[in-house]
Amino acid sequence: MYGTIFLMDRENQTIKLKDGRVLGYAEYGDPNGKPLFFFHGWPSARLAAGKYDARTKKLHIHIIAPDRPGYGLSDFKKDRKILDWPDDVCELADKLKIKNFAIMGVSGGGPYAAVCAYKIPDRITNAGIVVGLAPVFNWKSMRGMKWTLKLGLTRYGKYLGLQKAALIVQQLAVRYGFTQGLYKNNVFNAKPDRKMLTNPIITQSIEASYREAFRQGRRGPAWDLRLYTTDWAFDVSHINVKTYLWYAAADKAVSLAMGKYYYEHIRGSTLTIYHDEGHTCTITHAEEIFKTLIT
């Protein structure tokens, strides 16, 4: 009982940033362990890291999972850029008295891990991008993605009507998607993903984090889509932090081509490919990934 209450307290924490905004975050794993900042996907939130709580306790890793602006408990930030994110991360780390830390960006959190490795290399011990989104303005990086996702990403920033429609559809999918099978047919469409979604604990965890993404409405996730689909304003080839990449060959949501894009552009990066696996390789290989990042 007390353990559950303690976890709930750790899942719903906030700090006030220098500019007056509230930043929400969760903590999992061992509070005295090696620090690792976890950047959630799209649409998702800090709760996405909750499924790793038991494993990271065992590995003595302290996960800090912040909500991006407009998601979950974090205030929206007008005119936010991807390049702004490391500033929020540093403020949170300073508040927690953490000087250096590993980072892990999953799926839509990939760009945010990349920008931290780019902008604050002196704070980062290791960077991990796990089935992470690469720049979508490069057609080569989108080879192998499901055609509906590829079409949406390449057209999203150009048509206002499409932007509104995409967010409404996504919000409805969050509300009804798991019961109607929408996620199995889109994001989690590889055979290993569909098998993973037969586990009610995993499904409930994913669904909870997706719902939390829209706690404040569509504005936060909408802004993220806009940022993904326009120029990121930094060059990943200038990243000098040791970067590990994990991708799955059967993933149609974030294809292996995106992992290869990072691998070709980040000097000294390491690419691990999971054959016959999909988007949920972040779960099936979590222990291996965490061990690598905190080494």
Protein backbone atom coordinates (compact mmCIF):
# COMPACT_ATOMS: atom_id res chain seq x y z
CA MET A 1 0.00 0.00 0.00
CA TYR A 2 2.62 2.52 1.03
CA GLY A 3 4.79 1.62 -1.95
CA THR A 4 1.91 2.40 -4.29
CA ILE A 5 1.24 5.75 -2.65
CA PHE A 6 4.94 6.62 -2.83
CA LEU A 7 5.04 5.76 -6.52
CA MET A 8 1.97 7.89 -7.22
CA ASP A 9 3.65 10.82 -5.46
CA ARG A 10 6.76 10.34 -7.58
CA GLU A 11 4.69 10.20 -10.76
CA ASN A 12 3.03 13.58 -10.33
CA GLN A 13 5.72 16.08 -9.46
CA THR A 14 6.21 19.64 -10.67
CA ILE A 15 8.73 22.46 -10.48
CA LYS A 16 8.39 26.11 -11.43
CA LEU A 17 10.86 27.18 -14.10
CA LYS A 18 12.64 30.54 -14.26
CA ASP A 19 10.20 31.86 -16.86
CA GLY A 20 7.23 31.04 -14.60
CA ARG A 21 6.09 27.88 -16.38
CA VAL A 22 5.30 24.67 -14.53
CA LEU A 23 7.22 21.56 -15.62
CA GLY A 24 5.77 18.19 -14.70
CA TYR A 25 7.87 15.09 -14.22
CA ALA A 26 7.87 11.58 -12.79
CA GLU A 27 10.59 9.54 -11.11
CA TYR A 28 10.98 5.78 -11.30
CA GLY A 29 13.50 3.14 -10.36
CA ASP A 30 16.10 3.63 -7.63
CA PRO A 31 16.10 7.23 -6.31
CA ASN A 32 19.75 6.75 -5.32
CA GLY A 33 20.75 5.15 -8.60
CA LYS A 34 22.52 6.50 -11.65
CA PRO A 35 20.39 9.27 -13.24
CA LEU A 36 18.78 8.83 -16.64
CA PHE A 37 16.41 11.36 -18.20
CA PHE A 38 13.67 9.69 -20.24
CA PHE A 39 11.99 11.63 -23.07
CA HIS A 40 8.55 10.31 -23.97
CA GLY A 41 7.19 9.65 -27.44
CA TRP A 42 4.25 11.11 -29.35
CA PRO A 43 1.57 11.29 -28.17
CA SER A 44 2.68 10.26 -24.72
CA ALA A 45 3.77 11.69 -21.39
CA ARG A 46 5.94 11.12 -18.35
CA LEU A 47 3.91 8.04 -17.35
CA ALA A 48 5.41 6.14 -20.30
CA ALA A 49 8.50 5.47 -18.20
CA GLY A 50 6.43 3.78 -15.50
CA LYS A 51 6.61 0.35 -17.12
CA TYR A 52 10.37 0.38 -16.49
CA ASP A 53 10.10 1.00 -12.74
CA ALA A 54 10.85 -2.56 -11.55
CA ARG A 55 13.66 -3.11 -14.04
CA THR A 56 15.42 0.12 -13.22
CA LYS A 57 15.14 -0.51 -9.48
CA LYS A 58 16.94 -3.79 -10.08
CA LEU A 59 19.63 -2.03 -12.14
CA HIS A 60 19.97 0.85 -9.65
CA ILE A 61 18.93 3.47 -12.20
CA HIS A 62 17.08 6.65 -11.31
CA ILE A 63 14.69 7.60 -14.13
CA ILE A 64 13.52 11.20 -14.41
CA ALA A 65 10.76 11.55 -17.00
CA PRO A 66 9.59 15.12 -17.75
CA ASP A 67 6.46 16.10 -19.67
CA ARG A 68 7.19 18.32 -22.66
CA PRO A 69 5.41 21.71 -22.69
CA GLY A 70 1.66 21.31 -23.19
CA TYR A 71 1.67 17.62 -22.21
CA GLY A 72 0.50 16.17 -18.91
CA LEU A 73 1.42 18.50 -16.06
CA SER A 74 3.70 20.86 -18.04
CA ASP A 75 2.51 24.30 -19.09
CA PHE A 76 2.37 25.05 -22.79
CA LYS A 77 5.13 27.29 -24.13
CA LYS A 78 4.23 29.62 -26.98
CA ASP A 79 6.56 29.53 -30.00
CA ARG A 80 8.61 26.74 -28.45
CA LYS A 81 11.48 25.28 -30.48
CA ILE A 82 13.14 21.88 -30.19
CA LEU A 83 16.31 23.78 -29.29
CA ASP A 84 14.58 25.12 -26.15
CA TRP A 85 14.16 21.68 -24.57
CA PRO A 86 17.70 21.28 -23.13
CA ASP A 87 17.15 24.44 -21.07
CA ASP A 88 14.14 22.86 -19.33
CA VAL A 89 16.08 19.63 -18.79
CA CYS A 90 19.00 21.51 -17.21
CA GLU A 91 16.71 23.44 -14.87
CA LEU A 92 15.10 20.21 -13.71
CA ALA A 93 18.49 18.51 -13.29
CA ASP A 94 19.79 21.47 -11.29
CA LYS A 95 16.70 21.41 -9.09
CA LEU A 96 17.34 17.71 -8.39
CA LYS A 97 21.06 18.42 -7.84
CA ILE A 98 22.08 16.19 -10.73
CA LYS A 99 25.13 17.40 -12.62
CA ASN A 100 25.63 14.70 -15.26
CA PHE A 101 23.16 12.17 -16.59
CA ALA A 102 22.33 9.78 -19.40
CA ILE A 103 19.40 10.49 -21.73
CA MET A 104 16.99 8.22 -23.57
CA GLY A 105 14.54 9.41 -26.22
CA VAL A 106 11.91 6.96 -27.42
CA SER A 107 10.00 7.37 -30.69
CA GLY A 108 8.85 11.02 -30.75
CA GLY A 109 11.31 11.66 -27.93
CA GLY A 110 14.21 10.91 -30.29
CA PRO A 111 14.62 14.50 -31.52
CA TYR A 112 14.71 15.71 -27.92
CA ALA A 113 17.50 13.30 -27.00
CA ALA A 114 19.37 14.42 -30.12
CA VAL A 115 19.05 18.12 -29.27
CA CYS A 116 20.29 17.57 -25.71
CA ALA A 117 23.32 15.68 -27.04
CA TYR A 118 23.87 18.57 -29.44
CA LYS A 119 23.34 21.51 -27.07
CA ILE A 120 24.46 20.35 -23.62
CA PRO A 121 27.17 17.72 -24.26
CA ASP A 122 28.97 18.65 -21.04
CA ARG A 123 25.97 17.39 -19.02
CA ILE A 124 25.41 14.14 -20.93
CA THR A 125 27.21 10.87 -20.12
CA ASN A 126 25.55 8.74 -22.83
CA ALA A 127 22.72 9.43 -25.27
CA GLY A 128 20.22 6.82 -26.40
CA ILE A 129 17.75 7.11 -29.26
CA VAL A 130 15.36 4.17 -29.32
CA VAL A 131 13.15 3.81 -32.42
CA GLY A 132 13.43 7.60 -32.45
CA LEU A 133 12.08 9.94 -35.08
CA ALA A 134 14.73 11.41 -37.39
CA PRO A 135 14.33 14.58 -39.47
CA VAL A 136 11.21 13.99 -41.57
CA PHE A 137 12.09 16.66 -44.11
CA ASN A 138 14.54 14.11 -45.50
CA TRP A 139 12.75 11.51 -47.68
CA LYS A 140 15.59 9.01 -47.27
CA SER A 141 14.99 8.86 -43.52
CA MET A 142 11.34 7.83 -44.05
CA ARG A 143 11.85 4.76 -46.22
CA GLY A 144 9.98 1.80 -44.78
CA MET A 145 7.42 3.80 -42.82
CA LYS A 146 3.75 2.97 -43.18
CA TRP A 147 2.51 5.05 -46.12
CA THR A 148 -0.24 6.77 -44.11
CA LEU A 149 2.28 7.96 -41.52
CA LYS A 150 4.76 9.04 -44.18
CA LEU A 151 2.09 10.96 -46.07
CA GLY A 152 0.86 12.66 -42.91
CA LEU A 153 4.32 13.73 -41.77
CA THR A 154 5.36 15.13 -45.13
CA ARG A 155 2.11 17.05 -45.61
CA TYR A 156 1.33 18.04 -42.02
CA GLY A 157 3.15 21.36 -41.97
CA LYS A 158 1.71 22.49 -45.31
CA TYR A 159 -2.04 22.22 -44.83
CA LEU A 160 -3.93 23.79 -41.92
CA GLY A 161 -6.94 21.54 -42.45
CA LEU A 162 -4.77 18.45 -42.28
CA GLN A 163 -3.22 19.67 -39.03
CA LYS A 164 -6.61 19.98 -37.34
CA ALA A 165 -7.87 16.68 -38.76
CA ALA A 166 -4.73 14.79 -37.71
CA LEU A 167 -5.02 15.95 -34.11
CA ILE A 168 -8.73 15.20 -33.87
CA VAL A 169 -8.18 11.72 -35.26
CA GLN A 170 -5.29 11.16 -32.85
CA GLN A 171 -7.29 12.32 -29.85
CA LEU A 172 -10.15 10.01 -30.79
CA ALA A 173 -7.66 7.19 -31.28
CA VAL A 174 -6.32 7.78 -27.78
CA ARG A 175 -9.82 7.56 -26.39
CA TYR A 176 -11.04 4.58 -28.40
CA GLY A 177 -7.97 3.22 -30.18
CA PHE A 178 -7.07 0.32 -27.93
CA THR A 179 -10.59 -1.09 -27.85
CA GLN A 180 -11.08 -0.63 -31.60
CA GLY A 181 -7.64 -1.87 -32.63
CA LEU A 182 -6.45 1.37 -34.23
CA TYR A 183 -2.99 1.22 -32.69
CA LYS A 184 -2.49 -2.39 -33.71
CA ASN A 185 -3.11 -1.37 -37.30
CA ASN A 186 -0.90 1.72 -37.28
CA VAL A 187 1.84 2.38 -34.73
CA PHE A 188 2.00 -1.19 -33.38
CA ASN A 189 1.40 -3.06 -36.61
CA ALA A 190 4.37 -5.46 -36.58
CA LYS A 191 3.63 -9.02 -35.44
CA PRO A 192 5.80 -8.74 -32.28
CA ASP A 193 3.98 -5.51 -31.38
CA ARG A 194 0.57 -7.11 -31.67
CA LYS A 195 1.75 -9.95 -29.46
CA MET A 196 3.03 -7.46 -26.88
CA LEU A 197 -0.36 -5.73 -26.81
CA THR A 198 -2.00 -8.93 -25.61
CA ASN A 199 -0.36 -8.19 -22.25
CA PRO A 200 -2.93 -6.08 -20.35
CA ILE A 201 -0.27 -4.49 -18.13
CA ILE A 202 1.64 -3.16 -21.16
CA THR A 203 -1.54 -2.03 -22.90
CA GLN A 204 -2.81 -0.19 -19.83
CA SER A 205 0.55 1.53 -19.39
CA ILE A 206 0.65 2.73 -23.00
CA GLU A 207 -2.99 3.82 -22.91
CA ALA A 208 -2.50 5.77 -19.65
CA SER A 209 0.47 7.70 -21.01
CA TYR A 210 -1.36 8.46 -24.26
CA ARG A 211 -4.37 9.80 -22.40
CA GLU A 212 -2.11 11.90 -20.18
CA ALA A 213 -0.63 13.49 -23.32
CA PHE A 214 -4.01 15.15 -23.95
CA ARG A 215 -4.70 16.16 -20.34
CA GLN A 216 -4.65 19.83 -21.44
CA GLY A 217 -6.16 19.23 -24.88
CA ARG A 218 -4.51 19.06 -28.29
CA ARG A 219 -2.23 22.10 -28.18
CA GLY A 220 0.93 20.41 -26.84
CA PRO A 221 0.88 17.37 -29.16
CA ALA A 222 -0.09 19.63 -32.08
CA TRP A 223 2.92 21.85 -31.53
CA ASP A 224 5.21 18.84 -31.37
CA LEU A 225 3.95 17.64 -34.76
CA ARG A 226 4.66 21.05 -36.18
CA LEU A 227 8.21 20.93 -34.84
CA TYR A 228 8.83 17.41 -36.12
CA THR A 229 7.78 18.35 -39.62
CA THR A 230 9.78 21.55 -40.04
CA ASP A 231 13.49 22.33 -39.92
CA TRP A 232 14.83 21.39 -36.47
CA ALA A 233 17.35 24.28 -36.64
CA PHE A 234 20.29 22.14 -35.57
CA ASP A 235 22.48 19.63 -37.37
CA VAL A 236 22.69 16.16 -35.82
CA SER A 237 26.10 15.68 -37.48
CA HIS A 238 27.47 18.15 -34.90
CA ILE A 239 26.65 15.80 -32.00
CA ASN A 240 29.81 14.75 -30.17
CA VAL A 241 28.29 12.79 -27.27
CA LYS A 242 28.53 8.99 -27.38
CA THR A 243 25.21 8.04 -28.96
CA TYR A 244 23.58 4.62 -29.04
CA LEU A 245 20.81 3.83 -31.50
CA TRP A 246 18.30 0.98 -31.23
CA TYR A 247 15.88 0.24 -34.08
CA ALA A 248 13.68 -2.62 -35.26
CA ALA A 249 13.62 -3.93 -38.83
CA ALA A 250 9.87 -4.64 -38.80
CA ASP A 251 8.88 -1.26 -37.33
CA LYS A 252 6.64 0.66 -39.74
CA ALA A 253 5.94 3.56 -37.37
CA VAL A 254 9.55 4.71 -37.06
CA SER A 255 11.45 2.77 -39.66
CA LEU A 256 14.98 1.41 -39.58
CA ALA A 257 15.88 4.03 -42.20
CA MET A 258 15.62 6.65 -39.46
CA GLY A 259 18.14 4.79 -37.35
CA LYS A 260 20.45 4.55 -40.34
CA TYR A 261 20.06 8.29 -40.92
CA TYR A 262 21.32 9.03 -37.41
CA TYR A 263 24.06 6.43 -37.73
CA GLU A 264 25.33 8.01 -40.94
CA HIS A 265 25.29 11.52 -39.48
CA ILE A 266 26.41 11.11 -35.84
CA ARG A 267 30.09 10.37 -35.73
CA GLY A 268 31.00 7.38 -33.54
CA SER A 269 27.39 6.32 -32.95
CA THR A 270 26.47 2.66 -32.44
CA LEU A 271 23.45 1.16 -34.19
CA THR A 272 21.76 -1.99 -32.88
CA ILE A 273 19.15 -3.57 -35.17
CA TYR A 274 16.52 -5.97 -33.87
CA HIS A 275 15.39 -8.17 -36.73
CA ASP A 276 11.77 -9.38 -36.85
CA GLU A 277 10.78 -6.88 -34.14
CA GLY A 278 8.71 -3.73 -34.10
CA HIS A 279 8.08 -0.53 -32.16
CA THR A 280 7.84 -2.32 -28.80
CA CYS A 281 11.49 -3.39 -28.90
CA THR A 282 11.85 -0.57 -26.35
CA ILE A 283 10.10 -2.93 -23.92
CA THR A 284 11.48 -6.32 -24.93
CA HIS A 285 15.08 -5.08 -24.84
CA ALA A 286 14.74 -2.52 -22.05
CA GLU A 287 17.28 -4.12 -19.73
CA GLU A 288 19.96 -4.27 -22.42
CA ILE A 289 19.30 -0.63 -23.37
CA PHE A 290 19.40 0.66 -19.80
CA LYS A 291 22.58 -1.25 -18.96
CA THR A 292 24.31 0.25 -21.97
CA LEU A 293 23.27 3.81 -21.19
CA ILE A 294 24.38 3.81 -17.55
CA THR A 295 27.74 2.12 -18.19
